Amino acid sequence: MQTSTKAPVRVPDPPVWAPWSINWSAVWVGALTGLAAAVIFGLMGAALGGTATRSLSWTAVTRLDVAAAVLGAFLAFAAAGWAAAKVAGIPFAEPAMLHGALAWLVALPIVLALLSFGAGSAFGGWYGGLAGPASLAPAADAITGSARATALTSLTAILLGLMGSVIGGWIASGEPMTLSHSRTRKTVWSQPERSVL
């Protein structure tokens, strides 16, 4: 009788879901950094005369207003994302961007709470739509146009802040800012193969 011996077949392990760990201390540091930077940029914009965004018409908005709002909203939360990723010590772009976005997410309700307590002037006029339309226009017939304008400017400031926080986290990781880099990155963790008889 002949017995056949089969060589063991090498089967790679199935992909394992590995959650990204979140460093909440770093997220809070990033959120507070973003809030402090937003106040600084808001006050700088007001000092430079960029306060017409709370007016009732778009004709009063100047290029200085737009530049102060875009740079202020973007750079404040770029600093938040950078701080969150640096404090967490993350060397990879994806989890660093996640920490930046979480810092923005934590800071947003704090901005809303501060605006409800009347601190809107410290953040600049671009966040004024978050405080509610009743505080924006003294005349009842002008509330509709003012509410639309301030809602649009607030939405712009919020989305620019989100973009800034993600890009700030990416910069803090130190990885190249290309979308294809993750495919060319060397694998840090490798799974050993298992043998099946």
N, C-alpha and C. Protein backbone atom coordinates (compact mmCIF):
# COMPACT_ATOMS: atom_id res chain seq x y z
N MET A 1 0.81 -1.18 0.00
CA MET A 1 0.00 0.00 0.00
C MET A 1 0.86 1.24 0.00
N GLN A 2 0.40 2.13 -0.80
CA GLN A 2 1.10 3.42 -0.85
C GLN A 2 0.31 4.45 -0.07
N THR A 3 0.99 5.18 0.69
CA THR A 3 0.32 6.27 1.40
C THR A 3 0.79 7.58 0.80
N SER A 4 -0.13 8.41 0.60
CA SER A 4 0.23 9.72 0.04
C SER A 4 0.28 10.74 1.17
N THR A 5 1.30 11.48 1.13
CA THR A 5 1.42 12.56 2.11
C THR A 5 1.28 13.88 1.38
N LYS A 6 0.42 14.64 1.90
CA LYS A 6 0.19 15.95 1.29
C LYS A 6 1.01 16.98 2.06
N ALA A 7 1.56 17.88 1.31
CA ALA A 7 2.29 18.98 1.95
C ALA A 7 1.25 19.96 2.51
N PRO A 8 1.55 20.54 3.65
CA PRO A 8 0.58 21.50 4.21
C PRO A 8 0.43 22.71 3.28
N VAL A 9 -0.79 23.14 3.16
CA VAL A 9 -1.10 24.30 2.33
C VAL A 9 -0.99 25.54 3.19
N ARG A 10 -0.27 26.54 2.67
CA ARG A 10 -0.11 27.79 3.42
C ARG A 10 -1.26 28.72 3.05
N VAL A 11 -2.07 29.02 4.03
CA VAL A 11 -3.23 29.90 3.82
C VAL A 11 -3.01 31.16 4.66
N PRO A 12 -3.07 32.31 4.02
CA PRO A 12 -2.91 33.53 4.83
C PRO A 12 -4.12 33.73 5.74
N ASP A 13 -3.86 34.35 6.86
CA ASP A 13 -4.96 34.65 7.77
C ASP A 13 -5.94 35.60 7.10
N PRO A 14 -7.22 35.47 7.43
CA PRO A 14 -8.19 36.43 6.88
C PRO A 14 -7.90 37.82 7.43
N PRO A 15 -8.32 38.82 6.71
CA PRO A 15 -8.10 40.17 7.22
C PRO A 15 -8.76 40.36 8.58
N VAL A 16 -8.06 41.00 9.44
CA VAL A 16 -8.56 41.23 10.79
C VAL A 16 -8.93 42.70 10.90
N TRP A 17 -10.12 42.95 11.42
CA TRP A 17 -10.55 44.33 11.61
C TRP A 17 -9.82 44.86 12.83
N ALA A 18 -9.07 45.91 12.62
CA ALA A 18 -8.33 46.53 13.72
C ALA A 18 -8.82 47.97 13.88
N PRO A 19 -9.49 48.28 14.97
CA PRO A 19 -9.99 49.64 15.13
C PRO A 19 -8.85 50.62 15.38
N TRP A 20 -9.05 51.85 14.95
CA TRP A 20 -8.08 52.90 15.24
C TRP A 20 -8.33 53.36 16.66
N SER A 21 -7.28 53.42 17.41
CA SER A 21 -7.45 53.92 18.77
C SER A 21 -7.49 55.44 18.73
N ILE A 22 -8.28 56.01 19.61
CA ILE A 22 -8.45 57.45 19.68
C ILE A 22 -7.79 57.94 20.96
N ASN A 23 -6.94 58.93 20.83
CA ASN A 23 -6.32 59.57 21.98
C ASN A 23 -7.18 60.79 22.32
N TRP A 24 -8.08 60.63 23.28
CA TRP A 24 -9.04 61.68 23.58
C TRP A 24 -8.39 62.90 24.22
N SER A 25 -7.30 62.71 24.92
CA SER A 25 -6.58 63.87 25.46
C SER A 25 -6.08 64.75 24.32
N ALA A 26 -5.55 64.12 23.28
CA ALA A 26 -5.06 64.86 22.12
C ALA A 26 -6.21 65.55 21.40
N VAL A 27 -7.36 64.89 21.31
CA VAL A 27 -8.52 65.50 20.66
C VAL A 27 -8.96 66.74 21.43
N TRP A 28 -9.00 66.67 22.75
CA TRP A 28 -9.41 67.83 23.54
C TRP A 28 -8.40 68.97 23.43
N VAL A 29 -7.11 68.63 23.42
CA VAL A 29 -6.09 69.67 23.22
C VAL A 29 -6.28 70.34 21.86
N GLY A 30 -6.55 69.53 20.84
CA GLY A 30 -6.79 70.09 19.51
C GLY A 30 -8.03 70.97 19.47
N ALA A 31 -9.10 70.53 20.12
CA ALA A 31 -10.34 71.33 20.13
C ALA A 31 -10.12 72.66 20.82
N LEU A 32 -9.43 72.65 21.95
CA LEU A 32 -9.17 73.90 22.67
C LEU A 32 -8.22 74.80 21.88
N THR A 33 -7.28 74.19 21.17
CA THR A 33 -6.39 74.97 20.30
C THR A 33 -7.20 75.66 19.20
N GLY A 34 -8.13 74.92 18.60
CA GLY A 34 -8.96 75.50 17.55
C GLY A 34 -9.84 76.62 18.06
N LEU A 35 -10.40 76.47 19.25
CA LEU A 35 -11.23 77.53 19.83
C LEU A 35 -10.41 78.78 20.11
N ALA A 36 -9.22 78.58 20.69
CA ALA A 36 -8.37 79.74 20.98
C ALA A 36 -7.95 80.44 19.69
N ALA A 37 -7.59 79.65 18.68
CA ALA A 37 -7.18 80.25 17.41
C ALA A 37 -8.36 80.94 16.72
N ALA A 38 -9.57 80.38 16.83
CA ALA A 38 -10.74 81.02 16.22
C ALA A 38 -11.02 82.36 16.87
N VAL A 39 -10.87 82.43 18.19
CA VAL A 39 -11.06 83.71 18.88
C VAL A 39 -10.00 84.71 18.44
N ILE A 40 -8.75 84.26 18.35
CA ILE A 40 -7.67 85.16 17.94
C ILE A 40 -7.91 85.68 16.53
N PHE A 41 -8.24 84.78 15.60
CA PHE A 41 -8.49 85.21 14.22
C PHE A 41 -9.74 86.08 14.12
N GLY A 42 -10.77 85.76 14.91
CA GLY A 42 -11.98 86.59 14.90
C GLY A 42 -11.70 88.00 15.38
N LEU A 43 -10.92 88.12 16.45
CA LEU A 43 -10.58 89.45 16.97
C LEU A 43 -9.63 90.19 16.02
N MET A 44 -8.73 89.46 15.37
CA MET A 44 -7.85 90.11 14.39
C MET A 44 -8.66 90.64 13.21
N GLY A 45 -9.64 89.85 12.76
CA GLY A 45 -10.50 90.31 11.66
C GLY A 45 -11.29 91.53 12.04
N ALA A 46 -11.80 91.54 13.29
CA ALA A 46 -12.54 92.72 13.75
C ALA A 46 -11.63 93.93 13.87
N ALA A 47 -10.39 93.72 14.33
CA ALA A 47 -9.45 94.83 14.47
C ALA A 47 -9.04 95.41 13.12
N LEU A 48 -8.99 94.55 12.10
CA LEU A 48 -8.63 95.01 10.76
C LEU A 48 -9.83 95.57 9.99
N GLY A 49 -10.99 95.54 10.59
CA GLY A 49 -12.17 96.10 9.94
C GLY A 49 -13.02 95.09 9.22
N GLY A 50 -12.75 93.81 9.39
CA GLY A 50 -13.52 92.77 8.71
C GLY A 50 -14.74 92.36 9.50
N THR A 51 -15.66 93.29 9.73
CA THR A 51 -16.84 92.98 10.55
C THR A 51 -18.14 93.16 9.81
N ALA A 52 -18.10 93.42 8.53
CA ALA A 52 -19.33 93.71 7.80
C ALA A 52 -20.16 92.48 7.51
N THR A 53 -19.69 91.30 7.88
CA THR A 53 -20.43 90.09 7.57
C THR A 53 -21.72 89.97 8.36
N ARG A 54 -21.90 90.74 9.41
CA ARG A 54 -23.16 90.69 10.16
C ARG A 54 -24.14 91.73 9.68
N SER A 55 -23.80 92.40 8.59
CA SER A 55 -24.71 93.41 8.06
C SER A 55 -25.85 92.74 7.31
N LEU A 56 -26.78 93.54 6.85
CA LEU A 56 -27.98 93.00 6.26
C LEU A 56 -27.87 92.73 4.76
N SER A 57 -26.80 93.12 4.13
CA SER A 57 -26.71 92.89 2.69
C SER A 57 -25.30 92.42 2.32
N TRP A 58 -25.24 91.75 1.18
CA TRP A 58 -23.95 91.27 0.69
C TRP A 58 -23.11 92.40 0.12
N THR A 59 -23.70 93.54 -0.17
CA THR A 59 -22.93 94.65 -0.75
C THR A 59 -21.94 95.22 0.25
N ALA A 60 -22.19 95.03 1.53
CA ALA A 60 -21.27 95.57 2.54
C ALA A 60 -20.08 94.64 2.80
N VAL A 61 -20.09 93.42 2.23
CA VAL A 61 -19.00 92.48 2.43
C VAL A 61 -17.84 92.85 1.52
N THR A 62 -16.68 93.06 2.11
CA THR A 62 -15.50 93.44 1.34
C THR A 62 -14.58 92.24 1.15
N ARG A 63 -13.54 92.45 0.35
CA ARG A 63 -12.55 91.38 0.17
C ARG A 63 -11.82 91.09 1.47
N LEU A 64 -11.64 92.11 2.28
CA LEU A 64 -11.01 91.91 3.59
C LEU A 64 -11.87 91.01 4.46
N ASP A 65 -13.18 91.19 4.40
CA ASP A 65 -14.10 90.32 5.15
C ASP A 65 -13.94 88.87 4.72
N VAL A 66 -13.94 88.66 3.42
CA VAL A 66 -13.84 87.30 2.89
C VAL A 66 -12.49 86.68 3.25
N ALA A 67 -11.41 87.44 3.08
CA ALA A 67 -10.08 86.92 3.40
C ALA A 67 -9.96 86.60 4.88
N ALA A 68 -10.47 87.48 5.74
CA ALA A 68 -10.39 87.23 7.18
C ALA A 68 -11.20 86.00 7.57
N ALA A 69 -12.36 85.84 6.96
CA ALA A 69 -13.22 84.70 7.30
C ALA A 69 -12.62 83.39 6.80
N VAL A 70 -12.16 83.37 5.56
CA VAL A 70 -11.61 82.14 4.99
C VAL A 70 -10.35 81.73 5.74
N LEU A 71 -9.44 82.67 5.90
CA LEU A 71 -8.19 82.33 6.59
C LEU A 71 -8.43 82.01 8.06
N GLY A 72 -9.30 82.77 8.70
CA GLY A 72 -9.57 82.53 10.11
C GLY A 72 -10.19 81.17 10.37
N ALA A 73 -11.22 80.84 9.62
CA ALA A 73 -11.90 79.55 9.82
C ALA A 73 -11.00 78.39 9.47
N PHE A 74 -10.27 78.50 8.37
CA PHE A 74 -9.41 77.41 7.92
C PHE A 74 -8.22 77.24 8.85
N LEU A 75 -7.49 78.32 9.12
CA LEU A 75 -6.25 78.22 9.89
C LEU A 75 -6.49 77.89 11.36
N ALA A 76 -7.60 78.35 11.92
CA ALA A 76 -7.89 78.04 13.32
C ALA A 76 -8.01 76.54 13.52
N PHE A 77 -8.73 75.88 12.64
CA PHE A 77 -8.92 74.44 12.82
C PHE A 77 -7.83 73.62 12.17
N ALA A 78 -7.03 74.22 11.29
CA ALA A 78 -5.80 73.54 10.85
C ALA A 78 -4.86 73.41 12.03
N ALA A 79 -4.81 74.46 12.86
CA ALA A 79 -4.02 74.40 14.09
C ALA A 79 -4.59 73.34 15.04
N ALA A 80 -5.91 73.21 15.08
CA ALA A 80 -6.55 72.20 15.94
C ALA A 80 -6.18 70.80 15.49
N GLY A 81 -6.27 70.53 14.19
CA GLY A 81 -5.92 69.21 13.67
C GLY A 81 -4.45 68.89 13.86
N TRP A 82 -3.60 69.90 13.65
CA TRP A 82 -2.17 69.71 13.82
C TRP A 82 -1.86 69.39 15.28
N ALA A 83 -2.44 70.14 16.21
CA ALA A 83 -2.19 69.91 17.63
C ALA A 83 -2.68 68.54 18.07
N ALA A 84 -3.85 68.13 17.61
CA ALA A 84 -4.39 66.83 18.00
C ALA A 84 -3.50 65.70 17.52
N ALA A 85 -3.04 65.77 16.27
CA ALA A 85 -2.20 64.70 15.73
C ALA A 85 -0.81 64.70 16.35
N LYS A 86 -0.25 65.88 16.63
CA LYS A 86 1.08 65.95 17.23
C LYS A 86 1.07 65.46 18.67
N VAL A 87 0.05 65.85 19.44
CA VAL A 87 -0.03 65.40 20.83
C VAL A 87 -0.21 63.89 20.88
N ALA A 88 -0.98 63.34 19.95
CA ALA A 88 -1.19 61.90 19.91
C ALA A 88 0.04 61.16 19.37
N GLY A 89 0.94 61.87 18.68
CA GLY A 89 2.14 61.24 18.14
C GLY A 89 1.87 60.26 17.02
N ILE A 90 0.98 60.62 16.13
CA ILE A 90 0.54 59.71 15.06
C ILE A 90 1.42 59.89 13.83
N PRO A 91 2.07 58.83 13.34
CA PRO A 91 2.93 58.96 12.17
C PRO A 91 2.23 58.71 10.83
N PHE A 92 0.97 58.31 10.84
CA PHE A 92 0.27 57.98 9.60
C PHE A 92 -0.84 58.99 9.34
N ALA A 93 -1.07 59.27 8.07
CA ALA A 93 -2.00 60.33 7.68
C ALA A 93 -3.44 60.04 8.07
N GLU A 94 -3.90 58.82 7.87
CA GLU A 94 -5.31 58.53 8.07
C GLU A 94 -5.76 58.71 9.53
N PRO A 95 -5.09 58.10 10.51
CA PRO A 95 -5.53 58.34 11.89
C PRO A 95 -5.25 59.77 12.35
N ALA A 96 -4.24 60.42 11.77
CA ALA A 96 -3.97 61.82 12.11
C ALA A 96 -5.12 62.71 11.62
N MET A 97 -5.62 62.44 10.41
CA MET A 97 -6.76 63.21 9.89
C MET A 97 -8.01 62.93 10.72
N LEU A 98 -8.17 61.69 11.18
CA LEU A 98 -9.30 61.36 12.04
C LEU A 98 -9.24 62.15 13.34
N HIS A 99 -8.07 62.26 13.94
CA HIS A 99 -7.94 63.03 15.17
C HIS A 99 -8.22 64.52 14.92
N GLY A 100 -7.78 65.02 13.77
CA GLY A 100 -8.08 66.41 13.44
C GLY A 100 -9.58 66.65 13.29
N ALA A 101 -10.25 65.73 12.59
CA ALA A 101 -11.70 65.86 12.41
C ALA A 101 -12.43 65.74 13.74
N LEU A 102 -11.96 64.87 14.62
CA LEU A 102 -12.59 64.74 15.93
C LEU A 102 -12.39 65.99 16.77
N ALA A 103 -11.23 66.64 16.64
CA ALA A 103 -11.01 67.90 17.36
C ALA A 103 -12.01 68.95 16.88
N TRP A 104 -12.26 69.00 15.58
CA TRP A 104 -13.26 69.92 15.03
C TRP A 104 -14.65 69.57 15.56
N LEU A 105 -14.94 68.27 15.60
CA LEU A 105 -16.25 67.81 16.05
C LEU A 105 -16.49 68.13 17.52
N VAL A 106 -15.47 68.05 18.35
CA VAL A 106 -15.60 68.39 19.76
C VAL A 106 -15.74 69.90 19.93
N ALA A 107 -15.02 70.67 19.10
CA ALA A 107 -15.05 72.13 19.24
C ALA A 107 -16.37 72.74 18.79
N LEU A 108 -17.06 72.12 17.83
CA LEU A 108 -18.27 72.71 17.27
C LEU A 108 -19.38 72.93 18.30
N PRO A 109 -19.73 71.96 19.16
CA PRO A 109 -20.76 72.25 20.16
C PRO A 109 -20.31 73.28 21.19
N ILE A 110 -19.01 73.36 21.42
CA ILE A 110 -18.51 74.38 22.36
C ILE A 110 -18.70 75.76 21.74
N VAL A 111 -18.44 75.89 20.43
CA VAL A 111 -18.69 77.16 19.74
C VAL A 111 -20.16 77.52 19.83
N LEU A 112 -21.03 76.54 19.61
CA LEU A 112 -22.47 76.79 19.69
C LEU A 112 -22.88 77.25 21.09
N ALA A 113 -22.31 76.62 22.12
CA ALA A 113 -22.64 77.02 23.49
C ALA A 113 -22.15 78.43 23.77
N LEU A 114 -20.94 78.75 23.33
CA LEU A 114 -20.42 80.10 23.55
C LEU A 114 -21.23 81.15 22.80
N LEU A 115 -21.68 80.82 21.60
CA LEU A 115 -22.51 81.75 20.83
C LEU A 115 -23.86 81.96 21.51
N SER A 116 -24.40 80.91 22.12
CA SER A 116 -25.68 81.07 22.80
C SER A 116 -25.56 81.95 24.04
N PHE A 117 -24.35 82.04 24.60
CA PHE A 117 -24.12 82.93 25.74
C PHE A 117 -23.71 84.33 25.32
N GLY A 118 -23.68 84.58 24.01
CA GLY A 118 -23.40 85.92 23.51
C GLY A 118 -21.96 86.21 23.19
N ALA A 119 -21.16 85.19 22.98
CA ALA A 119 -19.74 85.40 22.68
C ALA A 119 -19.48 85.42 21.18
N GLY A 120 -20.49 85.69 20.38
CA GLY A 120 -20.35 85.65 18.93
C GLY A 120 -19.38 86.67 18.38
N SER A 121 -19.29 87.84 18.98
CA SER A 121 -18.40 88.87 18.45
C SER A 121 -16.93 88.46 18.57
N ALA A 122 -16.60 87.61 19.52
CA ALA A 122 -15.22 87.16 19.67
C ALA A 122 -14.80 86.23 18.54
N PHE A 123 -15.76 85.52 17.95
CA PHE A 123 -15.45 84.60 16.87
C PHE A 123 -15.53 85.26 15.50
N GLY A 124 -15.93 86.49 15.43
CA GLY A 124 -16.10 87.15 14.14
C GLY A 124 -17.51 86.94 13.62
N GLY A 125 -17.89 87.71 12.63
CA GLY A 125 -19.25 87.67 12.12
C GLY A 125 -19.62 86.44 11.35
N TRP A 126 -18.64 85.66 10.92
CA TRP A 126 -18.94 84.51 10.07
C TRP A 126 -19.61 83.39 10.83
N TYR A 127 -19.50 83.35 12.13
CA TYR A 127 -20.20 82.35 12.92
C TYR A 127 -21.53 82.88 13.45
N GLY A 128 -21.90 84.08 13.03
CA GLY A 128 -23.11 84.72 13.55
C GLY A 128 -24.39 83.98 13.24
N GLY A 129 -24.47 83.26 12.14
CA GLY A 129 -25.67 82.52 11.79
C GLY A 129 -25.97 81.39 12.73
N LEU A 130 -24.97 80.95 13.49
CA LEU A 130 -25.20 79.89 14.45
C LEU A 130 -25.92 80.38 15.70
N ALA A 131 -25.88 81.70 15.94
CA ALA A 131 -26.52 82.26 17.13
C ALA A 131 -28.02 82.39 16.96
N GLY A 132 -28.52 82.32 15.74
CA GLY A 132 -29.96 82.42 15.50
C GLY A 132 -30.31 83.72 14.81
N PRO A 133 -31.34 83.72 13.97
CA PRO A 133 -31.66 84.90 13.20
C PRO A 133 -32.21 86.06 14.01
N ALA A 134 -32.74 85.81 15.18
CA ALA A 134 -33.33 86.91 15.94
C ALA A 134 -32.27 87.89 16.44
N SER A 135 -31.06 87.42 16.64
CA SER A 135 -30.02 88.29 17.15
C SER A 135 -29.26 88.99 16.03
N LEU A 136 -29.63 88.74 14.79
CA LEU A 136 -28.85 89.25 13.68
C LEU A 136 -29.40 90.53 13.07
N ALA A 137 -30.68 90.72 13.12
CA ALA A 137 -31.27 91.87 12.44
C ALA A 137 -32.31 92.53 13.34
N PRO A 138 -32.23 93.84 13.50
CA PRO A 138 -33.22 94.49 14.36
C PRO A 138 -34.59 94.62 13.70
N ALA A 139 -34.65 94.72 12.40
CA ALA A 139 -35.92 94.91 11.71
C ALA A 139 -36.50 93.56 11.32
N ALA A 140 -37.80 93.38 11.56
CA ALA A 140 -38.43 92.10 11.28
C ALA A 140 -38.46 91.79 9.79
N ASP A 141 -38.59 92.80 8.93
CA ASP A 141 -38.66 92.53 7.49
C ASP A 141 -37.29 92.20 6.92
N ALA A 142 -36.22 92.51 7.61
CA ALA A 142 -34.88 92.22 7.10
C ALA A 142 -34.34 90.90 7.62
N ILE A 143 -35.07 90.22 8.47
CA ILE A 143 -34.56 88.98 9.06
C ILE A 143 -34.36 87.91 8.00
N THR A 144 -35.25 87.78 7.04
CA THR A 144 -35.16 86.71 6.06
C THR A 144 -33.88 86.80 5.26
N GLY A 145 -33.58 87.95 4.69
CA GLY A 145 -32.36 88.11 3.91
C GLY A 145 -31.12 87.98 4.77
N SER A 146 -31.17 88.53 5.97
CA SER A 146 -30.02 88.43 6.87
C SER A 146 -29.80 87.01 7.33
N ALA A 147 -30.87 86.30 7.61
CA ALA A 147 -30.74 84.91 8.06
C ALA A 147 -30.13 84.05 6.97
N ARG A 148 -30.53 84.26 5.71
CA ARG A 148 -29.94 83.50 4.62
C ARG A 148 -28.45 83.79 4.48
N ALA A 149 -28.11 85.07 4.53
CA ALA A 149 -26.71 85.46 4.37
C ALA A 149 -25.85 84.92 5.50
N THR A 150 -26.33 85.05 6.72
CA THR A 150 -25.53 84.58 7.84
C THR A 150 -25.49 83.06 7.94
N ALA A 151 -26.55 82.39 7.51
CA ALA A 151 -26.52 80.93 7.49
C ALA A 151 -25.50 80.44 6.47
N LEU A 152 -25.44 81.10 5.33
CA LEU A 152 -24.46 80.71 4.31
C LEU A 152 -23.04 80.98 4.78
N THR A 153 -22.81 82.11 5.40
CA THR A 153 -21.47 82.39 5.88
C THR A 153 -21.08 81.46 7.03
N SER A 154 -22.01 81.13 7.89
CA SER A 154 -21.71 80.19 8.98
C SER A 154 -21.41 78.80 8.45
N LEU A 155 -22.18 78.36 7.47
CA LEU A 155 -21.92 77.06 6.84
C LEU A 155 -20.55 77.04 6.20
N THR A 156 -20.19 78.12 5.53
CA THR A 156 -18.87 78.22 4.91
C THR A 156 -17.77 78.14 5.96
N ALA A 157 -17.93 78.86 7.05
CA ALA A 157 -16.92 78.85 8.12
C ALA A 157 -16.79 77.47 8.75
N ILE A 158 -17.92 76.80 8.95
CA ILE A 158 -17.88 75.47 9.56
C ILE A 158 -17.19 74.47 8.64
N LEU A 159 -17.55 74.47 7.36
CA LEU A 159 -16.94 73.51 6.43
C LEU A 159 -15.46 73.81 6.19
N LEU A 160 -15.10 75.09 6.16
CA LEU A 160 -13.67 75.43 6.05
C LEU A 160 -12.92 74.97 7.29
N GLY A 161 -13.55 75.04 8.44
CA GLY A 161 -12.92 74.54 9.66
C GLY A 161 -12.70 73.04 9.61
N LEU A 162 -13.67 72.31 9.09
CA LEU A 162 -13.51 70.86 8.95
C LEU A 162 -12.37 70.53 7.99
N MET A 163 -12.34 71.22 6.86
CA MET A 163 -11.25 70.99 5.91
C MET A 163 -9.90 71.32 6.53
N GLY A 164 -9.84 72.42 7.26
CA GLY A 164 -8.60 72.80 7.91
C GLY A 164 -8.13 71.78 8.94
N SER A 165 -9.07 71.24 9.72
CA SER A 165 -8.69 70.27 10.74
C SER A 165 -8.16 68.98 10.13
N VAL A 166 -8.75 68.54 9.04
CA VAL A 166 -8.27 67.33 8.38
C VAL A 166 -6.89 67.56 7.76
N ILE A 167 -6.71 68.69 7.10
CA ILE A 167 -5.42 68.98 6.48
C ILE A 167 -4.36 69.23 7.55
N GLY A 168 -4.72 69.88 8.65
CA GLY A 168 -3.78 70.08 9.74
C GLY A 168 -3.30 68.76 10.34
N GLY A 169 -4.21 67.81 10.51
CA GLY A 169 -3.82 66.49 10.99
C GLY A 169 -2.91 65.78 10.02
N TRP A 170 -3.20 65.92 8.73
CA TRP A 170 -2.37 65.29 7.70
C TRP A 170 -0.97 65.88 7.71
N ILE A 171 -0.86 67.19 7.84
CA ILE A 171 0.45 67.84 7.88
C ILE A 171 1.23 67.37 9.11
N ALA A 172 0.55 67.23 10.24
CA ALA A 172 1.23 66.81 11.47
C ALA A 172 1.77 65.39 11.38
N SER A 173 1.16 64.55 10.55
CA SER A 173 1.65 63.18 10.44
C SER A 173 3.01 63.12 9.76
N GLY A 174 3.32 64.10 8.93
CA GLY A 174 4.59 64.11 8.24
C GLY A 174 4.60 63.30 6.95
N GLU A 175 3.51 62.66 6.62
CA GLU A 175 3.46 61.89 5.39
C GLU A 175 3.21 62.81 4.21
N PRO A 176 3.66 62.40 3.02
CA PRO A 176 3.41 63.23 1.84
C PRO A 176 1.92 63.42 1.61
N MET A 177 1.57 64.58 1.11
CA MET A 177 0.16 64.90 0.90
C MET A 177 -0.28 64.48 -0.50
N THR A 178 -0.21 63.17 -0.73
CA THR A 178 -0.70 62.59 -1.98
C THR A 178 -1.69 61.49 -1.62
N LEU A 179 -2.69 61.33 -2.43
CA LEU A 179 -3.71 60.34 -2.13
C LEU A 179 -3.22 58.92 -2.37
N SER A 180 -2.20 58.73 -3.19
CA SER A 180 -1.72 57.39 -3.50
C SER A 180 -0.64 56.91 -2.55
N HIS A 181 -0.24 57.73 -1.59
CA HIS A 181 0.86 57.35 -0.70
C HIS A 181 0.52 56.13 0.15
N SER A 182 -0.72 55.99 0.58
CA SER A 182 -1.07 54.85 1.44
C SER A 182 -0.91 53.52 0.71
N ARG A 183 -1.00 53.52 -0.60
CA ARG A 183 -0.81 52.28 -1.36
C ARG A 183 0.66 51.92 -1.50
N THR A 184 1.53 52.91 -1.43
CA THR A 184 2.96 52.64 -1.58
C THR A 184 3.67 52.54 -0.24
N ARG A 185 2.97 52.81 0.84
CA ARG A 185 3.57 52.74 2.18
C ARG A 185 3.92 51.30 2.51
N LYS A 186 5.07 51.11 3.13
CA LYS A 186 5.45 49.77 3.57
C LYS A 186 4.53 49.35 4.70
N THR A 187 4.19 48.07 4.70
CA THR A 187 3.30 47.55 5.73
C THR A 187 4.04 47.53 7.07
N VAL A 188 3.43 48.07 8.06
CA VAL A 188 4.05 48.11 9.38
C VAL A 188 3.72 46.83 10.14
N TRP A 189 2.49 46.40 10.08
CA TRP A 189 2.08 45.18 10.75
C TRP A 189 1.84 44.12 9.70
N SER A 190 2.44 42.97 9.88
CA SER A 190 2.19 41.87 8.95
C SER A 190 1.67 40.69 9.75
N GLN A 191 0.74 39.99 9.16
CA GLN A 191 0.13 38.84 9.80
C GLN A 191 0.92 37.59 9.41
N PRO A 192 1.27 36.74 10.36
CA PRO A 192 1.96 35.49 10.00
C PRO A 192 0.99 34.55 9.29
N GLU A 193 1.54 33.73 8.42
CA GLU A 193 0.69 32.77 7.73
C GLU A 193 0.48 31.57 8.64
N ARG A 194 -0.64 30.91 8.45
CA ARG A 194 -0.92 29.73 9.24
C ARG A 194 -0.97 28.52 8.31
N SER A 195 -0.71 27.38 8.85
CA SER A 195 -0.73 26.18 8.01
C SER A 195 -2.00 25.38 8.27
N VAL A 196 -2.55 24.87 7.19
CA VAL A 196 -3.76 24.07 7.27
C VAL A 196 -3.42 22.70 6.72
N LEU A 197 -3.72 21.66 7.47
CA LEU A 197 -3.44 20.29 7.00
C LEU A 197 -4.63 19.68 6.36
